[in-house]
Amino acid sequence: MKIGLLKNFLHYFNLRQGTILIAIFQLFSSGFSMIFFILALAHAMGIQEMVVRDTEDALEREALEEISSNHLNTKKMDLAHHNATEMVYAMYCGLVITVIHFISTMLLLYGALTNNRHFMAPWMMVKITIISALAISLFLVEEDCPFLATLGGRAGICERLIAFFLIIMSFYVWFVVYSTYKSLETKKGLTHEVHSMKKKYAVPVPLEVPKAIQVSANKPYEL
């Protein structure tokens, strides 16, 4: 079954212009997200170091006061250290995903500017992965949900509606780029066909020798 492709983007731009606008917007959003994750990672690492120092101080204080290591304060410190470590890992994962998205968006912009559809494929794969993760998180968002659920924790109807809206918008953006990808494939196929029809090969043509020359060549010379 052949899927109907889009002809324009938001009824005002053609597919190439829409793809360029999408790439520029995605570059800005990815750059802002990278800055956010870098700052959040630095903050989380600072919290982790502070919790480690506080835990060591609490253990030393309990040792001096001859209190059991199962004291409530130590348990709280261990829980805080565990949460800080999880936050650091989450920031690392988010930063890696954002960097991959930023690189694929740069390739998308280059492919749209040069009409090279092969550079659009990485961005489409990354984007469809993000859409799939959002769709899964829409159903897995609950207490003690896995890390794949991007919203995390508990989510009400408002959070689910926001996730559903992001899925629709992301899929529309992806489909615009996909339509551009397929249109470039069609144009290149037509161009190749036209060039192949125009290409001609040299065919050897037998030369016709005039009859007068043939007669003079066959006639013996008189001495």
C-alpha atoms as a PDB file:
ATOM      1  CA  MET A   1       0.000   0.000   0.000  1.00  0.00           C
ATOM      2  CA  LYS A   2       1.453   3.312  -1.082  1.00  0.00           C
ATOM      3  CA  ILE A   3       1.319   6.104   1.489  1.00  0.00           C
ATOM      4  CA  GLY A   4       0.327   9.531   0.233  1.00  0.00           C
ATOM      5  CA  LEU A   5       3.103  12.047   0.754  1.00  0.00           C
ATOM      6  CA  LEU A   6       2.762  15.653   1.807  1.00  0.00           C
ATOM      7  CA  LYS A   7       3.024  18.437  -0.741  1.00  0.00           C
ATOM      8  CA  ASN A   8       3.875  21.345   1.559  1.00  0.00           C
ATOM      9  CA  PHE A   9       4.643  22.349   5.127  1.00  0.00           C
ATOM     10  CA  LEU A  10       1.984  24.304   7.054  1.00  0.00           C
ATOM     11  CA  HIS A  11       0.386  25.307   3.702  1.00  0.00           C
ATOM     12  CA  TYR A  12       2.905  28.136   3.243  1.00  0.00           C
ATOM     13  CA  PHE A  13       6.231  26.429   2.568  1.00  0.00           C
ATOM     14  CA  ASN A  14       7.241  23.726   0.169  1.00  0.00           C
ATOM     15  CA  LEU A  15       8.842  20.535   1.409  1.00  0.00           C
ATOM     16  CA  ARG A  16      12.431  21.726   1.005  1.00  0.00           C
ATOM     17  CA  GLN A  17      11.778  25.003   2.826  1.00  0.00           C
ATOM     18  CA  GLY A  18       9.880  23.169   5.541  1.00  0.00           C
ATOM     19  CA  THR A  19      12.719  20.708   6.024  1.00  0.00           C
ATOM     20  CA  ILE A  20      15.223  23.557   6.335  1.00  0.00           C
ATOM     21  CA  LEU A  21      13.013  25.327   8.892  1.00  0.00           C
ATOM     22  CA  ILE A  22      12.585  22.101  10.853  1.00  0.00           C
ATOM     23  CA  ALA A  23      16.341  21.521  10.864  1.00  0.00           C
ATOM     24  CA  ILE A  24      17.074  25.068  12.061  1.00  0.00           C
ATOM     25  CA  PHE A  25      14.487  24.843  14.833  1.00  0.00           C
ATOM     26  CA  GLN A  26      15.761  21.422  15.887  1.00  0.00           C
ATOM     27  CA  LEU A  27      19.327  22.753  15.982  1.00  0.00           C
ATOM     28  CA  PHE A  28      18.323  25.550  18.342  1.00  0.00           C
ATOM     29  CA  SER A  29      16.313  23.214  20.565  1.00  0.00           C
ATOM     30  CA  SER A  30      19.106  20.617  20.652  1.00  0.00           C
ATOM     31  CA  GLY A  31      21.698  23.267  21.466  1.00  0.00           C
ATOM     32  CA  PHE A  32      19.559  24.627  24.286  1.00  0.00           C
ATOM     33  CA  SER A  33      18.986  21.086  25.575  1.00  0.00           C
ATOM     34  CA  MET A  34      22.723  20.369  25.545  1.00  0.00           C
ATOM     35  CA  ILE A  35      23.410  23.496  27.592  1.00  0.00           C
ATOM     36  CA  PHE A  36      20.653  22.490  30.010  1.00  0.00           C
ATOM     37  CA  PHE A  37      21.989  18.950  30.429  1.00  0.00           C
ATOM     38  CA  ILE A  38      25.565  20.164  30.903  1.00  0.00           C
ATOM     39  CA  LEU A  39      24.500  22.578  33.642  1.00  0.00           C
ATOM     40  CA  ALA A  40      22.227  19.965  35.219  1.00  0.00           C
ATOM     41  CA  LEU A  41      25.024  17.397  35.112  1.00  0.00           C
ATOM     42  CA  ALA A  42      27.435  19.773  36.831  1.00  0.00           C
ATOM     43  CA  HIS A  43      24.804  20.527  39.467  1.00  0.00           C
ATOM     44  CA  ALA A  44      24.027  16.834  40.029  1.00  0.00           C
ATOM     45  CA  MET A  45      27.716  15.978  40.353  1.00  0.00           C
ATOM     46  CA  GLY A  46      28.114  18.775  42.892  1.00  0.00           C
ATOM     47  CA  ILE A  47      25.194  17.409  44.902  1.00  0.00           C
ATOM     48  CA  GLN A  48      26.669  13.915  44.722  1.00  0.00           C
ATOM     49  CA  GLU A  49      30.022  15.097  46.065  1.00  0.00           C
ATOM     50  CA  MET A  50      28.310  17.032  48.835  1.00  0.00           C
ATOM     51  CA  VAL A  51      26.264  13.978  49.832  1.00  0.00           C
ATOM     52  CA  VAL A  52      29.412  11.841  49.881  1.00  0.00           C
ATOM     53  CA  ARG A  53      31.143  14.305  52.204  1.00  0.00           C
ATOM     54  CA  ASP A  54      28.100  14.506  54.467  1.00  0.00           C
ATOM     55  CA  THR A  55      27.883  10.712  54.588  1.00  0.00           C
ATOM     56  CA  GLU A  56      31.531  10.421  55.587  1.00  0.00           C
ATOM     57  CA  ASP A  57      31.046  13.053  58.285  1.00  0.00           C
ATOM     58  CA  ALA A  58      27.963  11.244  59.582  1.00  0.00           C
ATOM     59  CA  LEU A  59      29.847   7.940  59.754  1.00  0.00           C
ATOM     60  CA  GLU A  60      32.740   9.546  61.618  1.00  0.00           C
ATOM     61  CA  ARG A  61      30.357  11.228  64.034  1.00  0.00           C
ATOM     62  CA  GLU A  62      28.523   7.969  64.671  1.00  0.00           C
ATOM     63  CA  ALA A  63      31.818   6.178  65.228  1.00  0.00           C
ATOM     64  CA  LEU A  64      32.865   8.765  67.784  1.00  0.00           C
ATOM     65  CA  GLU A  65      29.512   8.641  69.528  1.00  0.00           C
ATOM     66  CA  GLU A  66      29.469   4.829  69.372  1.00  0.00           C
ATOM     67  CA  ILE A  67      26.144   4.766  67.577  1.00  0.00           C
ATOM     68  CA  SER A  68      25.109   1.871  65.402  1.00  0.00           C
ATOM     69  CA  SER A  69      25.708   2.240  61.664  1.00  0.00           C
ATOM     70  CA  ASN A  70      22.035   1.587  61.061  1.00  0.00           C
ATOM     71  CA  HIS A  71      21.148   4.994  62.384  1.00  0.00           C
ATOM     72  CA  LEU A  72      18.348   6.846  60.661  1.00  0.00           C
ATOM     73  CA  ASN A  73      20.615   9.704  59.585  1.00  0.00           C
ATOM     74  CA  THR A  74      22.979   7.313  57.807  1.00  0.00           C
ATOM     75  CA  LYS A  75      20.087   5.675  55.998  1.00  0.00           C
ATOM     76  CA  LYS A  76      18.917   9.044  54.773  1.00  0.00           C
ATOM     77  CA  MET A  77      22.408   9.842  53.544  1.00  0.00           C
ATOM     78  CA  ASP A  78      22.619   6.543  51.683  1.00  0.00           C
ATOM     79  CA  LEU A  79      19.262   7.177  50.056  1.00  0.00           C
ATOM     80  CA  ALA A  80      20.314  10.691  49.056  1.00  0.00           C
ATOM     81  CA  HIS A  81      23.557   9.353  47.574  1.00  0.00           C
ATOM     82  CA  HIS A  82      21.614   6.748  45.610  1.00  0.00           C
ATOM     83  CA  ASN A  83      19.238   9.379  44.234  1.00  0.00           C
ATOM     84  CA  ALA A  84      22.113  11.685  43.324  1.00  0.00           C
ATOM     85  CA  THR A  85      23.880   8.857  41.483  1.00  0.00           C
ATOM     86  CA  GLU A  86      20.732   8.036  39.523  1.00  0.00           C
ATOM     87  CA  MET A  87      20.352  11.696  38.631  1.00  0.00           C
ATOM     88  CA  VAL A  88      23.932  11.853  37.342  1.00  0.00           C
ATOM     89  CA  TYR A  89      23.380   8.771  35.165  1.00  0.00           C
ATOM     90  CA  ALA A  90      20.122  10.229  33.847  1.00  0.00           C
ATOM     91  CA  MET A  91      21.867  13.494  32.944  1.00  0.00           C
ATOM     92  CA  TYR A  92      24.618  11.569  31.139  1.00  0.00           C
ATOM     93  CA  CYS A  93      22.038   9.609  29.131  1.00  0.00           C
ATOM     94  CA  GLY A  94      20.123  12.763  28.273  1.00  0.00           C
ATOM     95  CA  LEU A  95      23.307  14.527  27.190  1.00  0.00           C
ATOM     96  CA  VAL A  96      24.342  11.637  24.931  1.00  0.00           C
ATOM     97  CA  ILE A  97      20.897  11.473  23.320  1.00  0.00           C
ATOM     98  CA  THR A  98      20.903  15.234  22.777  1.00  0.00           C
ATOM     99  CA  VAL A  99      24.358  15.174  21.168  1.00  0.00           C
ATOM    100  CA  ILE A 100      23.263  12.386  18.810  1.00  0.00           C
ATOM    101  CA  HIS A 101      20.145  14.362  17.916  1.00  0.00           C
ATOM    102  CA  PHE A 102      22.216  17.512  17.335  1.00  0.00           C
ATOM    103  CA  ILE A 103      24.609  15.719  14.967  1.00  0.00           C
ATOM    104  CA  SER A 104      21.763  14.098  13.031  1.00  0.00           C
ATOM    105  CA  THR A 105      20.037  17.490  12.749  1.00  0.00           C
ATOM    106  CA  MET A 106      23.187  19.025  11.272  1.00  0.00           C
ATOM    107  CA  LEU A 107      23.213  16.236   8.698  1.00  0.00           C
ATOM    108  CA  LEU A 108      19.540  16.913   8.001  1.00  0.00           C
ATOM    109  CA  LEU A 109      20.214  20.598   7.361  1.00  0.00           C
ATOM    110  CA  TYR A 110      23.116  19.775   5.057  1.00  0.00           C
ATOM    111  CA  GLY A 111      21.022  17.246   3.161  1.00  0.00           C
ATOM    112  CA  ALA A 112      18.162  19.722   2.745  1.00  0.00           C
ATOM    113  CA  LEU A 113      20.474  22.461   1.478  1.00  0.00           C
ATOM    114  CA  THR A 114      22.281  20.189  -0.981  1.00  0.00           C
ATOM    115  CA  ASN A 115      19.239  18.075  -1.977  1.00  0.00           C
ATOM    116  CA  ASN A 116      21.029  14.953  -0.782  1.00  0.00           C
ATOM    117  CA  ARG A 117      18.486  12.620   0.762  1.00  0.00           C
ATOM    118  CA  HIS A 118      21.064  10.221   2.221  1.00  0.00           C
ATOM    119  CA  PHE A 119      21.988  12.752   4.911  1.00  0.00           C
ATOM    120  CA  MET A 120      18.350  12.873   6.036  1.00  0.00           C
ATOM    121  CA  ALA A 121      18.175   9.198   6.998  1.00  0.00           C
ATOM    122  CA  PRO A 122      20.032   9.468  10.377  1.00  0.00           C
ATOM    123  CA  TRP A 123      17.700  12.200  11.610  1.00  0.00           C
ATOM    124  CA  MET A 124      14.623  10.216  10.613  1.00  0.00           C
ATOM    125  CA  MET A 125      15.883   7.169  12.512  1.00  0.00           C
ATOM    126  CA  VAL A 126      16.659   9.220  15.631  1.00  0.00           C
ATOM    127  CA  LYS A 127      13.306  11.009  15.453  1.00  0.00           C
ATOM    128  CA  ILE A 128      11.262   7.842  15.043  1.00  0.00           C
ATOM    129  CA  THR A 129      13.096   6.401  18.059  1.00  0.00           C
ATOM    130  CA  ILE A 130      12.112   9.447  20.122  1.00  0.00           C
ATOM    131  CA  ILE A 131       8.510   9.130  18.934  1.00  0.00           C
ATOM    132  CA  SER A 132       8.469   5.453  19.903  1.00  0.00           C
ATOM    133  CA  ALA A 133       9.857   6.272  23.355  1.00  0.00           C
ATOM    134  CA  LEU A 134       7.176   8.922  23.850  1.00  0.00           C
ATOM    135  CA  ALA A 135       4.463   6.509  22.747  1.00  0.00           C
ATOM    136  CA  ILE A 136       5.694   3.834  25.150  1.00  0.00           C
ATOM    137  CA  SER A 137       5.999   6.326  28.003  1.00  0.00           C
ATOM    138  CA  LEU A 138       2.397   7.330  27.400  1.00  0.00           C
ATOM    139  CA  PHE A 139       1.306   3.897  28.623  1.00  0.00           C
ATOM    140  CA  LEU A 140       4.117   3.102  31.080  1.00  0.00           C
ATOM    141  CA  VAL A 141       4.023   6.295  33.132  1.00  0.00           C
ATOM    142  CA  GLU A 142       3.119   5.137  36.613  1.00  0.00           C
ATOM    143  CA  GLU A 143       4.763   4.683  39.973  1.00  0.00           C
ATOM    144  CA  ASP A 144       8.135   2.877  39.780  1.00  0.00           C
ATOM    145  CA  CYS A 145       8.078   3.096  35.998  1.00  0.00           C
ATOM    146  CA  PRO A 146      11.173   2.118  33.980  1.00  0.00           C
ATOM    147  CA  PHE A 147      13.702   4.674  32.782  1.00  0.00           C
ATOM    148  CA  LEU A 148      12.269   4.513  29.273  1.00  0.00           C
ATOM    149  CA  ALA A 149       9.195   6.387  30.501  1.00  0.00           C
ATOM    150  CA  THR A 150      10.466   9.877  29.832  1.00  0.00           C
ATOM    151  CA  LEU A 151       7.992  11.665  32.083  1.00  0.00           C
ATOM    152  CA  GLY A 152       8.886   9.529  35.098  1.00  0.00           C
ATOM    153  CA  GLY A 153       7.040   8.995  38.347  1.00  0.00           C
ATOM    154  CA  ARG A 154       3.326   9.568  38.488  1.00  0.00           C
ATOM    155  CA  ALA A 155       1.517  11.382  35.707  1.00  0.00           C
ATOM    156  CA  GLY A 156      -2.029  12.628  35.490  1.00  0.00           C
ATOM    157  CA  ILE A 157      -4.246  13.363  32.536  1.00  0.00           C
ATOM    158  CA  CYS A 158      -2.499  16.675  31.802  1.00  0.00           C
ATOM    159  CA  GLU A 159       0.930  15.056  31.472  1.00  0.00           C
ATOM    160  CA  ARG A 160      -0.497  12.337  29.245  1.00  0.00           C
ATOM    161  CA  LEU A 161      -2.172  14.918  27.005  1.00  0.00           C
ATOM    162  CA  ILE A 162       1.116  16.809  26.714  1.00  0.00           C
ATOM    163  CA  ALA A 163       2.899  13.601  25.743  1.00  0.00           C
ATOM    164  CA  PHE A 164       0.189  12.798  23.190  1.00  0.00           C
ATOM    165  CA  PHE A 165       0.470  16.297  21.698  1.00  0.00           C
ATOM    166  CA  LEU A 166       4.254  15.920  21.432  1.00  0.00           C
ATOM    167  CA  ILE A 167       3.802  12.586  19.672  1.00  0.00           C
ATOM    168  CA  ILE A 168       1.457  14.116  17.079  1.00  0.00           C
ATOM    169  CA  MET A 169       3.710  17.117  16.428  1.00  0.00           C
ATOM    170  CA  SER A 170       6.844  14.976  16.240  1.00  0.00           C
ATOM    171  CA  PHE A 171       5.215  12.568  13.814  1.00  0.00           C
ATOM    172  CA  TYR A 172       4.050  15.427  11.578  1.00  0.00           C
ATOM    173  CA  VAL A 173       7.555  16.892  11.519  1.00  0.00           C
ATOM    174  CA  TRP A 174       8.993  13.459  10.766  1.00  0.00           C
ATOM    175  CA  PHE A 175       6.494  12.912   7.963  1.00  0.00           C
ATOM    176  CA  VAL A 176       7.415  16.251   6.370  1.00  0.00           C
ATOM    177  CA  VAL A 177      11.062  15.205   6.256  1.00  0.00           C
ATOM    178  CA  TYR A 178      10.064  11.760   5.002  1.00  0.00           C
ATOM    179  CA  SER A 179       8.049  13.337   2.182  1.00  0.00           C
ATOM    180  CA  THR A 180      11.068  15.438   1.242  1.00  0.00           C
ATOM    181  CA  TYR A 181      13.210  12.304   1.310  1.00  0.00           C
ATOM    182  CA  LYS A 182      10.867  10.436  -1.025  1.00  0.00           C
ATOM    183  CA  SER A 183      10.426  13.406  -3.356  1.00  0.00           C
ATOM    184  CA  LEU A 184      14.186  13.684  -3.794  1.00  0.00           C
ATOM    185  CA  GLU A 185      14.297   9.972  -4.546  1.00  0.00           C
ATOM    186  CA  THR A 186      11.640  10.392  -7.258  1.00  0.00           C
ATOM    187  CA  LYS A 187      13.360  13.397  -8.803  1.00  0.00           C
ATOM    188  CA  LYS A 188      16.700  11.634  -8.935  1.00  0.00           C
ATOM    189  CA  GLY A 189      15.076   8.604 -10.546  1.00  0.00           C
ATOM    190  CA  LEU A 190      13.519  10.761 -13.278  1.00  0.00           C
ATOM    191  CA  THR A 191      16.777  12.591 -13.883  1.00  0.00           C
ATOM    192  CA  HIS A 192      18.641   9.332 -14.252  1.00  0.00           C
ATOM    193  CA  GLU A 193      16.057   8.061 -16.721  1.00  0.00           C
ATOM    194  CA  VAL A 194      16.256  11.207 -18.867  1.00  0.00           C
ATOM    195  CA  HIS A 195      20.039  11.058 -18.965  1.00  0.00           C
ATOM    196  CA  SER A 196      19.965   7.405 -19.943  1.00  0.00           C
ATOM    197  CA  MET A 197      17.585   8.178 -22.828  1.00  0.00           C
ATOM    198  CA  LYS A 198      19.760  11.011 -24.081  1.00  0.00           C
ATOM    199  CA  LYS A 199      22.897   8.906 -24.032  1.00  0.00           C
ATOM    200  CA  LYS A 200      23.819   7.678 -27.503  1.00  0.00           C
ATOM    201  CA  TYR A 201      26.461   5.252 -28.617  1.00  0.00           C
ATOM    202  CA  ALA A 202      28.618   5.546 -31.732  1.00  0.00           C
ATOM    203  CA  VAL A 203      27.654   2.993 -34.382  1.00  0.00           C
ATOM    204  CA  PRO A 204      30.139   2.227 -37.155  1.00  0.00           C
ATOM    205  CA  VAL A 205      28.718   3.247 -40.546  1.00  0.00           C
ATOM    206  CA  PRO A 206      30.105   1.604 -43.693  1.00  0.00           C
ATOM    207  CA  LEU A 207      31.625   4.097 -46.067  1.00  0.00           C
ATOM    208  CA  GLU A 208      30.273   4.116 -49.607  1.00  0.00           C
ATOM    209  CA  VAL A 209      32.974   4.283 -52.248  1.00  0.00           C
ATOM    210  CA  PRO A 210      31.962   6.053 -55.472  1.00  0.00           C
ATOM    211  CA  LYS A 211      31.577   3.810 -58.527  1.00  0.00           C
ATOM    212  CA  ALA A 212      33.987   5.875 -60.620  1.00  0.00           C
ATOM    213  CA  ILE A 213      36.760   5.224 -58.129  1.00  0.00           C
ATOM    214  CA  GLN A 214      35.936   1.500 -58.094  1.00  0.00           C
ATOM    215  CA  VAL A 215      36.054   1.293 -61.931  1.00  0.00           C
ATOM    216  CA  SER A 216      39.322   3.178 -62.102  1.00  0.00           C
ATOM    217  CA  ALA A 217      40.774   0.911 -59.471  1.00  0.00           C
ATOM    218  CA  ASN A 218      39.781  -2.242 -61.373  1.00  0.00           C
ATOM    219  CA  LYS A 219      40.944  -0.939 -64.803  1.00  0.00           C
ATOM    220  CA  PRO A 220      44.564  -1.943 -65.662  1.00  0.00           C
ATOM    221  CA  TYR A 221      47.011   0.754 -66.522  1.00  0.00           C
ATOM    222  CA  GLU A 222      48.222   0.963 -70.140  1.00  0.00           C
ATOM    223  CA  LEU A 223      51.944   1.272 -70.673  1.00  0.00           C
END
